[in-house]
Protein backbone atom coordinates (compact mmCIF):
# COMPACT_ATOMS: atom_id res chain seq x y z
CA GLN A 1 116.86 -29.99 -114.66
CA SER A 2 117.92 -31.61 -117.90
CA TYR A 3 120.10 -30.49 -120.78
CA ILE A 4 121.04 -31.72 -124.25
CA LYS A 5 124.76 -31.95 -125.07
CA ASP A 6 126.49 -33.07 -128.24
CA PRO A 7 129.03 -35.83 -127.45
CA SER A 8 131.81 -33.77 -129.09
CA SER A 9 131.09 -30.53 -127.19
CA VAL A 10 132.81 -29.30 -124.08
CA LEU A 11 130.30 -27.14 -122.17
CA ASP A 12 129.86 -25.47 -118.80
CA TYR A 13 126.89 -25.95 -116.47
CA LYS A 14 126.15 -24.04 -113.27
CA PHE A 15 124.77 -25.33 -109.97
CA ASP A 16 123.45 -22.22 -108.25
CA TRP A 17 122.62 -21.80 -104.57
CA ARG A 18 122.36 -18.00 -104.57
CA CYS A 19 119.22 -16.23 -103.50
CA ASN A 20 116.71 -15.11 -106.16
CA THR A 21 118.59 -16.59 -109.13
CA ASN A 22 116.62 -19.75 -109.80
CA GLY A 23 113.63 -18.33 -111.69
CA SER A 24 110.22 -18.98 -110.22
CA ASP A 25 111.22 -22.16 -108.38
CA VAL A 26 110.71 -20.83 -104.86
CA ILE A 27 111.97 -24.06 -103.26
CA LEU A 28 115.48 -23.40 -104.57
CA GLN A 29 115.57 -19.66 -103.85
CA ASP A 30 117.26 -18.27 -100.76
CA TRP A 31 119.02 -21.53 -99.90
CA LEU A 32 122.18 -19.82 -98.65
CA ALA A 33 121.78 -17.56 -95.64
CA SER A 34 123.15 -14.04 -95.74
CA GLY A 35 126.96 -14.27 -95.67
CA GLU A 36 126.95 -18.07 -96.13
CA THR A 37 129.25 -19.42 -98.83
CA ILE A 38 130.30 -22.73 -100.33
CA THR A 39 133.55 -24.01 -98.82
CA THR A 40 133.85 -27.33 -100.66
CA ALA A 41 132.20 -28.76 -103.75
CA THR A 42 132.47 -32.21 -105.30
CA VAL A 43 131.07 -32.92 -108.77
CA THR A 44 130.57 -36.46 -110.05
CA ALA A 45 129.14 -37.80 -113.32
CA ASP A 46 127.99 -41.18 -114.56
CA SER A 47 130.63 -43.26 -116.31
CA GLY A 48 131.06 -42.15 -119.92
CA LEU A 49 130.69 -38.42 -119.26
CA THR A 50 133.84 -36.59 -118.18
CA VAL A 51 134.06 -33.86 -115.54
CA ASP A 52 136.91 -31.79 -116.99
CA SER A 53 136.92 -29.26 -114.15
CA SER A 54 134.75 -27.59 -111.55
CA SER A 55 135.12 -24.44 -109.50
CA LYS A 56 133.25 -22.27 -107.04
CA THR A 57 131.89 -19.18 -108.81
CA ASP A 58 129.79 -16.08 -108.11
CA THR A 59 131.65 -15.26 -104.90
CA ASN A 60 131.46 -18.90 -103.73
CA THR A 61 127.66 -19.19 -104.04
CA SER A 62 127.60 -21.34 -107.20
CA VAL A 63 129.62 -24.16 -108.74
CA THR A 64 130.45 -24.24 -112.44
CA VAL A 65 131.39 -27.57 -114.03
CA TRP A 66 132.85 -28.26 -117.47
CA LEU A 67 131.73 -31.54 -119.08
CA SER A 68 132.93 -33.42 -122.15
CA GLY A 69 132.28 -36.74 -123.83
CA GLY A 70 129.21 -38.90 -123.58
CA THR A 71 127.56 -41.28 -126.01
CA ALA A 72 124.74 -40.19 -128.31
CA GLY A 73 121.36 -41.46 -127.14
CA GLN A 74 122.40 -41.95 -123.51
CA TYR A 75 121.41 -40.06 -120.37
CA PHE A 76 123.98 -39.11 -117.73
CA ASN A 77 123.45 -37.90 -114.17
CA VAL A 78 125.75 -35.17 -112.86
CA THR A 79 125.71 -34.44 -109.12
CA CYS A 80 127.19 -31.55 -107.17
CA ARG A 81 127.58 -31.88 -103.39
CA ILE A 82 128.51 -28.81 -101.36
CA VAL A 83 129.42 -27.97 -97.78
CA THR A 84 129.02 -24.38 -96.58
CA ASN A 85 130.91 -22.25 -94.08
CA ALA A 86 127.90 -22.78 -91.76
CA GLY A 87 128.45 -26.56 -91.87
CA ARG A 88 125.37 -27.31 -93.99
CA THR A 89 125.50 -29.87 -96.81
CA ASP A 90 123.37 -30.00 -99.95
CA GLU A 91 123.37 -32.05 -103.12
CA ARG A 92 121.80 -31.28 -106.50
CA SER A 93 121.72 -33.22 -109.75
CA ILE A 94 121.12 -32.52 -113.40
CA VAL A 95 120.54 -34.92 -116.30
CA ILE A 96 122.47 -34.65 -119.55
CA LEU A 97 121.09 -36.25 -122.72
CA CYS A 98 123.85 -36.72 -125.27
CA GLN A 99 122.52 -36.14 -128.75
CA GLU A 100 124.38 -35.34 -131.95
CA ARG A 101 123.39 -31.96 -133.32
């Protein structure tokens, strides 16, 4: 997935592993088993984009990250790596295009 962000905005983005919440993309649906939750999450971003904070949300089935900064005209990768209470690990990334609005 990709998003456009103004360099001066501070916005939240959600990485979602819950069942039936990812639209029609069947590959991403039902990733967590019944009762499975995220125990740890680490969010990283390319240099120049700041991860202000991140937290587990939606009863520990999603991770919400707040991002700031960036340089207009540049793309930034943001990656979220999780470990679940079942010992499984997954990693997802989004792309942020910084563009003045």
